[in-house]
PDB file of N, CA and C in Angstrom:
ATOM      1  N   MET A   1      48.969  43.155  61.615  1.00  0.00           N
ATOM      2  CA  MET A   1      47.983  43.697  60.717  1.00  0.00           C
ATOM      3  C   MET A   1      47.678  44.902  61.591  1.00  0.00           C
ATOM      4  N   LEU A   2      47.216  45.027  62.579  1.00  0.00           N
ATOM      5  CA  LEU A   2      46.380  46.096  63.097  1.00  0.00           C
ATOM      6  C   LEU A   2      47.584  47.172  63.483  1.00  0.00           C
ATOM      7  N   HIS A   3      48.990  46.833  63.863  1.00  0.00           N
ATOM      8  CA  HIS A   3      50.041  47.386  64.094  1.00  0.00           C
ATOM      9  C   HIS A   3      50.329  48.303  62.779  1.00  0.00           C
ATOM     10  N   TRP A   4      50.263  47.729  61.815  1.00  0.00           N
ATOM     11  CA  TRP A   4      50.493  48.382  60.228  1.00  0.00           C
ATOM     12  C   TRP A   4      49.386  49.331  59.891  1.00  0.00           C
ATOM     13  N   LEU A   5      48.114  48.991  60.355  1.00  0.00           N
ATOM     14  CA  LEU A   5      46.981  50.108  59.946  1.00  0.00           C
ATOM     15  C   LEU A   5      47.226  51.258  60.727  1.00  0.00           C
ATOM     16  N   THR A   6      47.360  50.886  62.149  1.00  0.00           N
ATOM     17  CA  THR A   6      47.248  52.018  62.959  1.00  0.00           C
ATOM     18  C   THR A   6      48.451  52.977  62.889  1.00  0.00           C
ATOM     19  N   SER A   7      49.734  52.500  62.129  1.00  0.00           N
ATOM     20  CA  SER A   7      50.631  53.258  61.670  1.00  0.00           C
ATOM     21  C   SER A   7      50.425  54.076  60.662  1.00  0.00           C
ATOM     22  N   LEU A   8      49.600  53.798  59.787  1.00  0.00           N
ATOM     23  CA  LEU A   8      49.144  54.453  58.597  1.00  0.00           C
ATOM     24  C   LEU A   8      48.257  55.498  59.111  1.00  0.00           C
ATOM     25  N   ILE A   9      47.284  55.422  60.210  1.00  0.00           N
ATOM     26  CA  ILE A   9      46.311  56.515  60.497  1.00  0.00           C
ATOM     27  C   ILE A   9      47.103  57.537  61.316  1.00  0.00           C
ATOM     28  N   SER A  10      48.146  57.344  61.985  1.00  0.00           N
ATOM     29  CA  SER A  10      48.453  58.151  63.064  1.00  0.00           C
ATOM     30  C   SER A  10      49.655  59.045  62.312  1.00  0.00           C
ATOM     31  N   LYS A  11      49.569  60.423  62.346  1.00  0.00           N
ATOM     32  CA  LYS A  11      50.450  61.075  61.633  1.00  0.00           C
ATOM     33  C   LYS A  11      51.690  61.600  62.501  1.00  0.00           C
ATOM     34  N   PRO A  12      52.802  61.592  62.115  1.00  0.00           N
ATOM     35  CA  PRO A  12      53.830  61.874  62.968  1.00  0.00           C
ATOM     36  C   PRO A  12      53.765  63.319  63.167  1.00  0.00           C
ATOM     37  N   LEU A  13      54.554  63.570  64.184  1.00  0.00           N
ATOM     38  CA  LEU A  13      54.587  65.059  64.875  1.00  0.00           C
ATOM     39  C   LEU A  13      55.516  65.913  63.725  1.00  0.00           C
ATOM     40  N   ARG A  14      55.055  67.148  63.362  1.00  0.00           N
ATOM     41  CA  ARG A  14      55.663  67.879  62.345  1.00  0.00           C
ATOM     42  C   ARG A  14      56.426  69.085  63.105  1.00  0.00           C
ATOM     43  N   ARG A  15      57.633  69.268  62.650  1.00  0.00           N
ATOM     44  CA  ARG A  15      58.548  70.197  63.429  1.00  0.00           C
ATOM     45  C   ARG A  15      58.894  71.314  62.633  1.00  0.00           C
ATOM     46  N   ASP A  16      59.435  72.168  62.870  1.00  0.00           N
ATOM     47  CA  ASP A  16      60.423  73.179  62.099  1.00  0.00           C
ATOM     48  C   ASP A  16      61.447  72.360  61.577  1.00  0.00           C
ATOM     49  N   PRO A  17      62.103  72.408  60.420  1.00  0.00           N
ATOM     50  CA  PRO A  17      63.130  71.780  59.848  1.00  0.00           C
ATOM     51  C   PRO A  17      64.338  71.862  60.667  1.00  0.00           C
ATOM     52  N   ALA A  18      64.700  73.108  61.276  1.00  0.00           N
ATOM     53  CA  ALA A  18      65.837  73.490  62.116  1.00  0.00           C
ATOM     54  C   ALA A  18      65.572  72.587  63.486  1.00  0.00           C
ATOM     55  N   ARG A  19      64.619  72.326  64.028  1.00  0.00           N
ATOM     56  CA  ARG A  19      64.096  71.785  65.260  1.00  0.00           C
ATOM     57  C   ARG A  19      64.293  70.240  64.865  1.00  0.00           C
ATOM     58  N   GLN A  20      63.760  70.022  63.815  1.00  0.00           N
ATOM     59  CA  GLN A  20      63.900  68.364  63.465  1.00  0.00           C
ATOM     60  C   GLN A  20      65.453  67.975  63.373  1.00  0.00           C
ATOM     61  N   ARG A  21      66.185  68.935  62.816  1.00  0.00           N
ATOM     62  CA  ARG A  21      67.573  68.534  62.691  1.00  0.00           C
ATOM     63  C   ARG A  21      68.259  68.545  63.885  1.00  0.00           C
ATOM     64  N   GLN A  22      67.844  69.177  65.037  1.00  0.00           N
ATOM     65  CA  GLN A  22      68.589  69.197  66.241  1.00  0.00           C
ATOM     66  C   GLN A  22      68.027  67.926  66.766  1.00  0.00           C
ATOM     67  N   VAL A  23      66.538  67.577  66.864  1.00  0.00           N
ATOM     68  CA  VAL A  23      65.950  66.310  67.373  1.00  0.00           C
ATOM     69  C   VAL A  23      66.743  64.989  66.794  1.00  0.00           C
ATOM     70  N   ASP A  24      66.838  64.877  65.386  1.00  0.00           N
ATOM     71  CA  ASP A  24      67.700  64.170  64.830  1.00  0.00           C
ATOM     72  C   ASP A  24      69.009  63.892  65.434  1.00  0.00           C
ATOM     73  N   GLN A  25      69.695  65.075  65.621  1.00  0.00           N
ATOM     74  CA  GLN A  25      71.369  64.903  66.446  1.00  0.00           C
ATOM     75  C   GLN A  25      71.178  64.287  67.654  1.00  0.00           C
ATOM     76  N   GLU A  26      69.948  64.777  68.551  1.00  0.00           N
ATOM     77  CA  GLU A  26      70.042  64.340  69.646  1.00  0.00           C
ATOM     78  C   GLU A  26      69.476  62.668  69.817  1.00  0.00           C
ATOM     79  N   THR A  27      68.849  62.165  68.925  1.00  0.00           N
ATOM     80  CA  THR A  27      68.428  61.035  68.976  1.00  0.00           C
ATOM     81  C   THR A  27      69.528  60.041  68.400  1.00  0.00           C
ATOM     82  N   SER A  28      70.565  60.518  67.734  1.00  0.00           N
ATOM     83  CA  SER A  28      71.475  59.524  67.211  1.00  0.00           C
ATOM     84  C   SER A  28      72.313  59.057  68.203  1.00  0.00           C
ATOM     85  N   ARG A  29      71.933  59.442  69.671  1.00  0.00           N
ATOM     86  CA  ARG A  29      72.712  58.777  70.796  1.00  0.00           C
ATOM     87  C   ARG A  29      71.809  57.913  71.555  1.00  0.00           C
ATOM     88  N   LEU A  30      70.613  57.422  70.807  1.00  0.00           N
ATOM     89  CA  LEU A  30      69.943  56.456  71.190  1.00  0.00           C
ATOM     90  C   LEU A  30      69.734  55.342  70.436  1.00  0.00           C
ATOM     91  N   ALA A  31      69.356  54.139  71.164  1.00  0.00           N
ATOM     92  CA  ALA A  31      69.212  53.036  70.154  1.00  0.00           C
ATOM     93  C   ALA A  31      68.234  52.061  70.919  1.00  0.00           C
ATOM     94  N   LEU A  32      67.139  51.592  70.378  1.00  0.00           N
ATOM     95  CA  LEU A  32      66.301  50.640  71.128  1.00  0.00           C
ATOM     96  C   LEU A  32      66.287  49.247  70.567  1.00  0.00           C
ATOM     97  N   TYR A  33      66.674  48.507  71.676  1.00  0.00           N
ATOM     98  CA  TYR A  33      66.723  46.960  71.514  1.00  0.00           C
ATOM     99  C   TYR A  33      65.281  46.522  71.633  1.00  0.00           C
ATOM    100  N   HIS A  34      65.176  45.551  70.525  1.00  0.00           N
ATOM    101  CA  HIS A  34      63.773  45.133  70.582  1.00  0.00           C
ATOM    102  C   HIS A  34      63.645  43.758  69.958  1.00  0.00           C
ATOM    103  N   PHE A  35      62.403  43.131  70.569  1.00  0.00           N
ATOM    104  CA  PHE A  35      61.990  41.826  69.504  1.00  0.00           C
ATOM    105  C   PHE A  35      60.732  42.172  68.493  1.00  0.00           C
ATOM    106  N   PRO A  36      60.947  41.870  67.241  1.00  0.00           N
ATOM    107  CA  PRO A  36      59.826  42.475  66.543  1.00  0.00           C
ATOM    108  C   PRO A  36      58.338  41.960  66.970  1.00  0.00           C
ATOM    109  N   LEU A  37      58.111  41.008  67.632  1.00  0.00           N
ATOM    110  CA  LEU A  37      56.711  40.532  67.797  1.00  0.00           C
ATOM    111  C   LEU A  37      56.247  41.041  69.233  1.00  0.00           C
ATOM    112  N   CYS A  38      57.097  41.435  69.847  1.00  0.00           N
ATOM    113  CA  CYS A  38      56.904  42.110  71.483  1.00  0.00           C
ATOM    114  C   CYS A  38      55.866  43.118  71.295  1.00  0.00           C
ATOM    115  N   PRO A  39      54.767  42.838  71.971  1.00  0.00           N
ATOM    116  CA  PRO A  39      53.590  43.824  72.318  1.00  0.00           C
ATOM    117  C   PRO A  39      54.329  45.595  72.795  1.00  0.00           C
ATOM    118  N   PHE A  40      55.088  44.989  73.608  1.00  0.00           N
ATOM    119  CA  PHE A  40      55.702  46.289  74.684  1.00  0.00           C
ATOM    120  C   PHE A  40      56.885  46.950  73.344  1.00  0.00           C
ATOM    121  N   CYS A  41      57.267  46.271  72.460  1.00  0.00           N
ATOM    122  CA  CYS A  41      58.234  47.001  71.770  1.00  0.00           C
ATOM    123  C   CYS A  41      57.537  47.618  70.653  1.00  0.00           C
ATOM    124  N   ILE A  42      56.393  47.202  70.128  1.00  0.00           N
ATOM    125  CA  ILE A  42      55.597  47.679  69.113  1.00  0.00           C
ATOM    126  C   ILE A  42      54.864  48.734  69.687  1.00  0.00           C
ATOM    127  N   LYS A  43      54.597  48.927  70.851  1.00  0.00           N
ATOM    128  CA  LYS A  43      53.835  50.250  71.968  1.00  0.00           C
ATOM    129  C   LYS A  43      55.005  50.991  71.779  1.00  0.00           C
ATOM    130  N   VAL A  44      56.341  50.983  71.932  1.00  0.00           N
ATOM    131  CA  VAL A  44      57.285  51.826  72.133  1.00  0.00           C
ATOM    132  C   VAL A  44      57.590  52.441  70.675  1.00  0.00           C
ATOM    133  N   ASN A  45      57.390  51.535  69.647  1.00  0.00           N
ATOM    134  CA  ASN A  45      57.567  51.833  68.155  1.00  0.00           C
ATOM    135  C   ASN A  45      56.796  52.956  67.645  1.00  0.00           C
ATOM    136  N   ARG A  46      55.324  52.658  67.975  1.00  0.00           N
ATOM    137  CA  ARG A  46      54.408  53.552  67.624  1.00  0.00           C
ATOM    138  C   ARG A  46      54.622  55.094  68.224  1.00  0.00           C
ATOM    139  N   VAL A  47      54.870  55.033  69.249  1.00  0.00           N
ATOM    140  CA  VAL A  47      55.396  56.448  69.866  1.00  0.00           C
ATOM    141  C   VAL A  47      56.754  57.070  69.322  1.00  0.00           C
ATOM    142  N   ILE A  48      57.554  56.385  68.906  1.00  0.00           N
ATOM    143  CA  ILE A  48      58.729  56.768  68.254  1.00  0.00           C
ATOM    144  C   ILE A  48      58.375  57.379  66.895  1.00  0.00           C
ATOM    145  N   ARG A  49      57.434  56.547  66.118  1.00  0.00           N
ATOM    146  CA  ARG A  49      56.823  56.993  64.687  1.00  0.00           C
ATOM    147  C   ARG A  49      56.023  58.279  65.228  1.00  0.00           C
ATOM    148  N   LYS A  50      55.054  58.429  66.211  1.00  0.00           N
ATOM    149  CA  LYS A  50      54.254  59.369  66.343  1.00  0.00           C
ATOM    150  C   LYS A  50      55.132  60.697  66.754  1.00  0.00           C
ATOM    151  N   LEU A  51      56.340  60.502  67.415  1.00  0.00           N
ATOM    152  CA  LEU A  51      57.209  61.738  67.845  1.00  0.00           C
ATOM    153  C   LEU A  51      58.228  62.066  66.656  1.00  0.00           C
ATOM    154  N   ASN A  52      58.096  61.349  65.498  1.00  0.00           N
ATOM    155  CA  ASN A  52      58.902  61.492  64.214  1.00  0.00           C
ATOM    156  C   ASN A  52      60.442  61.398  64.986  1.00  0.00           C
ATOM    157  N   LEU A  53      60.746  60.364  65.476  1.00  0.00           N
ATOM    158  CA  LEU A  53      62.046  60.238  65.852  1.00  0.00           C
ATOM    159  C   LEU A  53      62.808  59.145  65.229  1.00  0.00           C
ATOM    160  N   LYS A  54      64.052  59.462  65.036  1.00  0.00           N
ATOM    161  CA  LYS A  54      64.924  58.624  64.115  1.00  0.00           C
ATOM    162  C   LYS A  54      65.780  57.877  65.162  1.00  0.00           C
ATOM    163  N   ILE A  55      65.476  56.832  65.569  1.00  0.00           N
ATOM    164  CA  ILE A  55      66.101  55.925  66.731  1.00  0.00           C
ATOM    165  C   ILE A  55      66.459  54.639  66.057  1.00  0.00           C
ATOM    166  N   GLU A  56      67.861  54.327  66.050  1.00  0.00           N
ATOM    167  CA  GLU A  56      68.503  53.217  65.795  1.00  0.00           C
ATOM    168  C   GLU A  56      67.559  51.880  66.316  1.00  0.00           C
ATOM    169  N   GLN A  57      67.243  50.994  65.485  1.00  0.00           N
ATOM    170  CA  GLN A  57      66.485  50.035  66.045  1.00  0.00           C
ATOM    171  C   GLN A  57      67.597  48.450  65.981  1.00  0.00           C
ATOM    172  N   ARG A  58      67.540  47.945  67.101  1.00  0.00           N
ATOM    173  CA  ARG A  58      68.702  46.852  67.276  1.00  0.00           C
ATOM    174  C   ARG A  58      67.752  45.590  67.564  1.00  0.00           C
ATOM    175  N   ASN A  59      67.453  44.830  66.742  1.00  0.00           N
ATOM    176  CA  ASN A  59      66.755  43.418  66.688  1.00  0.00           C
ATOM    177  C   ASN A  59      67.729  42.277  67.521  1.00  0.00           C
ATOM    178  N   ALA A  60      67.292  42.535  68.861  1.00  0.00           N
ATOM    179  CA  ALA A  60      67.919  41.624  69.577  1.00  0.00           C
ATOM    180  C   ALA A  60      67.620  40.005  69.278  1.00  0.00           C
ATOM    181  N   ALA A  61      66.396  39.617  68.747  1.00  0.00           N
ATOM    182  CA  ALA A  61      65.990  38.380  68.139  1.00  0.00           C
ATOM    183  C   ALA A  61      66.900  37.780  67.037  1.00  0.00           C
ATOM    184  N   SER A  62      66.987  38.867  66.063  1.00  0.00           N
ATOM    185  CA  SER A  62      67.780  38.204  64.700  1.00  0.00           C
ATOM    186  C   SER A  62      69.301  38.308  64.688  1.00  0.00           C
ATOM    187  N   ASP A  63      69.671  39.333  65.653  1.00  0.00           N
ATOM    188  CA  ASP A  63      71.323  39.478  65.678  1.00  0.00           C
ATOM    189  C   ASP A  63      71.744  39.341  67.003  1.00  0.00           C
ATOM    190  N   PRO A  64      72.638  38.103  67.259  1.00  0.00           N
ATOM    191  CA  PRO A  64      72.971  37.726  68.531  1.00  0.00           C
ATOM    192  C   PRO A  64      73.949  38.911  69.073  1.00  0.00           C
ATOM    193  N   ASN A  65      74.565  39.645  68.320  1.00  0.00           N
ATOM    194  CA  ASN A  65      75.569  40.454  68.799  1.00  0.00           C
ATOM    195  C   ASN A  65      74.913  41.566  69.565  1.00  0.00           C
ATOM    196  N   TRP A  66      73.649  41.970  69.119  1.00  0.00           N
ATOM    197  CA  TRP A  66      72.630  43.112  70.021  1.00  0.00           C
ATOM    198  C   TRP A  66      72.241  42.324  71.141  1.00  0.00           C
ATOM    199  N   ALA A  67      71.850  41.067  71.168  1.00  0.00           N
ATOM    200  CA  ALA A  67      71.456  40.337  72.296  1.00  0.00           C
ATOM    201  C   ALA A  67      72.511  40.055  73.316  1.00  0.00           C
ATOM    202  N   ASP A  68      73.823  39.813  72.800  1.00  0.00           N
ATOM    203  CA  ASP A  68      74.781  39.862  73.924  1.00  0.00           C
ATOM    204  C   ASP A  68      74.913  41.078  74.492  1.00  0.00           C
ATOM    205  N   GLU A  69      75.167  42.159  73.490  1.00  0.00           N
ATOM    206  CA  GLU A  69      75.749  43.635  74.161  1.00  0.00           C
ATOM    207  C   GLU A  69      74.221  44.044  75.281  1.00  0.00           C
ATOM    208  N   LEU A  70      73.202  43.652  74.992  1.00  0.00           N
ATOM    209  CA  LEU A  70      71.945  44.061  75.766  1.00  0.00           C
ATOM    210  C   LEU A  70      72.223  43.321  77.181  1.00  0.00           C
ATOM    211  N   GLN A  71      72.686  41.874  76.976  1.00  0.00           N
ATOM    212  CA  GLN A  71      72.526  41.198  78.253  1.00  0.00           C
ATOM    213  C   GLN A  71      74.007  41.576  79.008  1.00  0.00           C
ATOM    214  N   GLN A  72      74.973  41.923  78.348  1.00  0.00           N
ATOM    215  CA  GLN A  72      76.326  42.301  79.095  1.00  0.00           C
ATOM    216  C   GLN A  72      76.413  43.527  79.598  1.00  0.00           C
ATOM    217  N   PHE A  73      75.696  44.750  78.933  1.00  0.00           N
ATOM    218  CA  PHE A  73      76.139  46.169  79.268  1.00  0.00           C
ATOM    219  C   PHE A  73      74.682  46.457  79.979  1.00  0.00           C
ATOM    220  N   GLY A  74      73.418  46.228  79.619  1.00  0.00           N
ATOM    221  CA  GLY A  74      72.154  46.380  80.148  1.00  0.00           C
ATOM    222  C   GLY A  74      71.969  45.621  81.249  1.00  0.00           C
ATOM    223  N   GLY A  75      72.413  44.413  81.372  1.00  0.00           N
ATOM    224  CA  GLY A  75      72.463  43.564  82.677  1.00  0.00           C
ATOM    225  C   GLY A  75      71.329  42.538  82.555  1.00  0.00           C
ATOM    226  N   LYS A  76      70.515  42.604  81.415  1.00  0.00           N
ATOM    227  CA  LYS A  76      69.398  41.461  81.287  1.00  0.00           C
ATOM    228  C   LYS A  76      68.847  41.585  79.650  1.00  0.00           C
ATOM    229  N   LEU A  77      68.274  40.300  79.349  1.00  0.00           N
ATOM    230  CA  LEU A  77      68.034  40.152  77.855  1.00  0.00           C
ATOM    231  C   LEU A  77      66.506  40.279  78.301  1.00  0.00           C
ATOM    232  N   GLN A  78      66.197  41.724  78.110  1.00  0.00           N
ATOM    233  CA  GLN A  78      64.719  42.099  78.110  1.00  0.00           C
ATOM    234  C   GLN A  78      64.434  43.132  77.237  1.00  0.00           C
ATOM    235  N   THR A  79      63.101  43.157  76.561  1.00  0.00           N
ATOM    236  CA  THR A  79      62.975  44.132  75.753  1.00  0.00           C
ATOM    237  C   THR A  79      61.661  44.626  75.804  1.00  0.00           C
ATOM    238  N   PRO A  80      61.298  45.871  75.587  1.00  0.00           N
ATOM    239  CA  PRO A  80      62.196  46.917  74.799  1.00  0.00           C
ATOM    240  C   PRO A  80      63.066  47.447  75.904  1.00  0.00           C
ATOM    241  N   CYS A  81      64.185  47.763  75.533  1.00  0.00           N
ATOM    242  CA  CYS A  81      65.348  48.637  76.305  1.00  0.00           C
ATOM    243  C   CYS A  81      65.891  49.688  75.524  1.00  0.00           C
ATOM    244  N   LEU A  82      65.988  50.992  76.049  1.00  0.00           N
ATOM    245  CA  LEU A  82      66.427  52.189  75.225  1.00  0.00           C
ATOM    246  C   LEU A  82      67.810  52.274  75.831  1.00  0.00           C
ATOM    247  N   LYS A  83      68.772  52.429  74.965  1.00  0.00           N
ATOM    248  CA  LYS A  83      69.970  52.575  75.381  1.00  0.00           C
ATOM    249  C   LYS A  83      70.411  54.376  74.980  1.00  0.00           C
ATOM    250  N   ILE A  84      70.769  54.883  76.109  1.00  0.00           N
ATOM    251  CA  ILE A  84      70.966  56.445  75.974  1.00  0.00           C
ATOM    252  C   ILE A  84      72.465  56.452  76.303  1.00  0.00           C
ATOM    253  N   GLU A  85      72.951  57.010  75.279  1.00  0.00           N
ATOM    254  CA  GLU A  85      74.683  57.505  75.380  1.00  0.00           C
ATOM    255  C   GLU A  85      74.810  58.600  76.158  1.00  0.00           C
ATOM    256  N   GLN A  86      75.180  58.834  77.463  1.00  0.00           N
ATOM    257  CA  GLN A  86      75.544  60.150  78.054  1.00  0.00           C
ATOM    258  C   GLN A  86      77.052  60.171  78.401  1.00  0.00           C
ATOM    259  N   GLN A  87      77.552  61.633  78.539  1.00  0.00           N
ATOM    260  CA  GLN A  87      78.853  61.855  78.942  1.00  0.00           C
ATOM    261  C   GLN A  87      79.358  61.080  80.069  1.00  0.00           C
ATOM    262  N   ASP A  88      78.794  60.694  81.237  1.00  0.00           N
ATOM    263  CA  ASP A  88      79.175  60.088  82.271  1.00  0.00           C
ATOM    264  C   ASP A  88      78.619  58.484  82.263  1.00  0.00           C
ATOM    265  N   GLY A  89      78.399  57.758  80.977  1.00  0.00           N
ATOM    266  CA  GLY A  89      78.343  56.649  80.645  1.00  0.00           C
ATOM    267  C   GLY A  89      76.843  56.379  80.171  1.00  0.00           C
ATOM    268  N   ASP A  90      76.436  55.235  79.754  1.00  0.00           N
ATOM    269  CA  ASP A  90      75.388  54.713  79.106  1.00  0.00           C
ATOM    270  C   ASP A  90      74.320  54.355  80.244  1.00  0.00           C
ATOM    271  N   ARG A  91      73.249  54.834  79.881  1.00  0.00           N
ATOM    272  CA  ARG A  91      72.017  54.213  80.537  1.00  0.00           C
ATOM    273  C   ARG A  91      71.075  53.487  79.797  1.00  0.00           C
ATOM    274  N   TRP A  92      70.580  52.398  80.798  1.00  0.00           N
ATOM    275  CA  TRP A  92      69.923  51.511  79.740  1.00  0.00           C
ATOM    276  C   TRP A  92      68.477  51.823  80.430  1.00  0.00           C
ATOM    277  N   LEU A  93      67.406  51.896  79.634  1.00  0.00           N
ATOM    278  CA  LEU A  93      66.303  52.110  80.126  1.00  0.00           C
ATOM    279  C   LEU A  93      65.241  50.994  79.969  1.00  0.00           C
ATOM    280  N   TYR A  94      64.565  50.224  80.640  1.00  0.00           N
ATOM    281  CA  TYR A  94      63.720  49.146  80.552  1.00  0.00           C
ATOM    282  C   TYR A  94      62.348  49.550  80.903  1.00  0.00           C
ATOM    283  N   GLU A  95      61.395  48.553  80.577  1.00  0.00           N
ATOM    284  CA  GLU A  95      60.177  49.004  80.612  1.00  0.00           C
ATOM    285  C   GLU A  95      59.352  49.900  79.757  1.00  0.00           C
ATOM    286  N   SER A  96      58.470  49.633  78.801  1.00  0.00           N
ATOM    287  CA  SER A  96      57.926  50.449  77.674  1.00  0.00           C
ATOM    288  C   SER A  96      57.451  51.881  78.432  1.00  0.00           C
ATOM    289  N   ASP A  97      56.636  51.634  79.421  1.00  0.00           N
ATOM    290  CA  ASP A  97      56.198  52.874  80.175  1.00  0.00           C
ATOM    291  C   ASP A  97      57.109  54.064  80.267  1.00  0.00           C
ATOM    292  N   ASP A  98      58.195  53.445  80.957  1.00  0.00           N
ATOM    293  CA  ASP A  98      59.582  54.170  81.367  1.00  0.00           C
ATOM    294  C   ASP A  98      59.905  55.112  80.243  1.00  0.00           C
ATOM    295  N   ILE A  99      60.208  54.115  79.168  1.00  0.00           N
ATOM    296  CA  ILE A  99      60.785  54.511  77.867  1.00  0.00           C
ATOM    297  C   ILE A  99      59.805  55.371  77.035  1.00  0.00           C
ATOM    298  N   ILE A 100      58.686  55.300  77.074  1.00  0.00           N
ATOM    299  CA  ILE A 100      57.850  56.294  76.418  1.00  0.00           C
ATOM    300  C   ILE A 100      57.537  57.635  77.235  1.00  0.00           C
ATOM    301  N   ARG A 101      57.643  57.515  78.595  1.00  0.00           N
ATOM    302  CA  ARG A 101      57.540  58.512  79.183  1.00  0.00           C
ATOM    303  C   ARG A 101      58.876  59.627  78.997  1.00  0.00           C
ATOM    304  N   TYR A 102      60.057  58.829  79.042  1.00  0.00           N
ATOM    305  CA  TYR A 102      61.300  59.525  78.888  1.00  0.00           C
ATOM    306  C   TYR A 102      61.342  60.461  77.480  1.00  0.00           C
ATOM    307  N   LEU A 103      60.700  59.424  76.426  1.00  0.00           N
ATOM    308  CA  LEU A 103      60.683  60.073  74.895  1.00  0.00           C
ATOM    309  C   LEU A 103      59.782  61.175  75.003  1.00  0.00           C
ATOM    310  N   ARG A 104      58.606  60.910  75.548  1.00  0.00           N
ATOM    311  CA  ARG A 104      57.648  62.274  75.762  1.00  0.00           C
ATOM    312  C   ARG A 104      58.140  63.558  76.310  1.00  0.00           C
ATOM    313  N   GLN A 105      58.946  63.161  77.512  1.00  0.00           N
ATOM    314  CA  GLN A 105      59.367  64.476  78.254  1.00  0.00           C
ATOM    315  C   GLN A 105      60.565  64.830  77.497  1.00  0.00           C
ATOM    316  N   ARG A 106      61.409  64.368  76.835  1.00  0.00           N
ATOM    317  CA  ARG A 106      62.541  64.884  76.065  1.00  0.00           C
ATOM    318  C   ARG A 106      62.203  65.347  74.694  1.00  0.00           C
ATOM    319  N   PHE A 107      61.199  64.794  74.006  1.00  0.00           N
ATOM    320  CA  PHE A 107      60.885  65.122  72.545  1.00  0.00           C
ATOM    321  C   PHE A 107      59.710  65.689  72.205  1.00  0.00           C
ATOM    322  N   ALA A 108      58.897  65.998  73.205  1.00  0.00           N
ATOM    323  CA  ALA A 108      57.570  66.362  72.861  1.00  0.00           C
ATOM    324  C   ALA A 108      57.165  67.489  73.933  1.00  0.00           C
ATOM    325  N   THR A 109      58.183  68.470  73.480  1.00  0.00           N
ATOM    326  CA  THR A 109      58.260  69.583  74.381  1.00  0.00           C
ATOM    327  C   THR A 109      57.351  70.727  73.721  1.00  0.00           C
ATOM    328  N   SER A 110      56.818  71.809  74.449  1.00  0.00           N
ATOM    329  CA  SER A 110      56.002  72.753  73.773  1.00  0.00           C
ATOM    330  C   SER A 110      56.503  73.259  72.377  1.00  0.00           C
ATOM    331  N   GLN A 111      57.993  73.411  72.311  1.00  0.00           N
ATOM    332  CA  GLN A 111      58.516  73.800  70.930  1.00  0.00           C
ATOM    333  C   GLN A 111      58.098  72.813  69.978  1.00  0.00           C
ATOM    334  N   ASP A 112      57.882  71.617  70.371  1.00  0.00           N
ATOM    335  CA  ASP A 112      57.710  70.495  69.425  1.00  0.00           C
ATOM    336  C   ASP A 112      56.312  70.440  68.924  1.00  0.00           C
ATOM    337  N   LEU A 113      55.783  70.766  69.843  1.00  0.00           N
ATOM    338  CA  LEU A 113      53.893  70.150  69.700  1.00  0.00           C
ATOM    339  C   LEU A 113      53.366  71.472  68.851  1.00  0.00           C
ATOM    340  N   SER A 114      52.566  71.182  67.853  1.00  0.00           N
ATOM    341  CA  SER A 114      51.551  72.320  67.158  1.00  0.00           C
ATOM    342  C   SER A 114      50.316  71.722  67.673  1.00  0.00           C
ATOM    343  N   LYS A 115      49.334  72.586  67.361  1.00  0.00           N
ATOM    344  CA  LYS A 115      47.945  72.419  67.662  1.00  0.00           C
ATOM    345  C   LYS A 115      47.252  71.015  67.106  1.00  0.00           C
ATOM    346  N   ASP A 116      47.633  70.520  65.931  1.00  0.00           N
ATOM    347  CA  ASP A 116      47.034  69.525  65.429  1.00  0.00           C
ATOM    348  C   ASP A 116      47.985  68.085  65.741  1.00  0.00           C
ATOM    349  N   HIS A 117      48.966  68.347  66.260  1.00  0.00           N
ATOM    350  CA  HIS A 117      49.707  67.066  66.455  1.00  0.00           C
ATOM    351  C   HIS A 117      50.070  66.987  67.811  1.00  0.00           C
ATOM    352  N   ILE A 118      49.644  66.496  68.698  1.00  0.00           N
ATOM    353  CA  ILE A 118      49.811  66.236  70.098  1.00  0.00           C
ATOM    354  C   ILE A 118      50.332  64.791  70.464  1.00  0.00           C
ATOM    355  N   ALA A 119      51.381  64.520  70.959  1.00  0.00           N
ATOM    356  CA  ALA A 119      51.703  63.125  71.056  1.00  0.00           C
ATOM    357  C   ALA A 119      50.920  62.678  72.332  1.00  0.00           C
TER     358      ALA A 119
END
C-alpha cells in the first residue's frame, strides 16, 4: 500500500520529447528481473518510475522461463537483476544500489534534469 501511495506522490522526470525518445530507445536494451514483493525490487522500480524509464519487467516469480534465464545466463537466481544488452555481450547487474547507481549515471544526466525534477 505504501509503495502505491509513494508512486502517486513522486512525479516522473520530464524530458524534451526528442530526448525521451532517445532514452526509450536506449532502455529497449534493458530488462529488469524481479520478484513483485521483493523490497529491493520495489526500491529499483521506484527509481525507474522517477526517471521515467521504459524498462521491460521480467517477473521471475511467475514465469519460470525468466527464472531459468536469470539462473543460466546471469549466474544466480537473485533479484533485482538488470540485464544490459551490449555489443560485446550481456551484462548482468545485481544489487539494488548498483542498479540504481547505473540508472542514475546513465539516465539522470544534466540534459535530463530540470530544476523541479531531480532524481
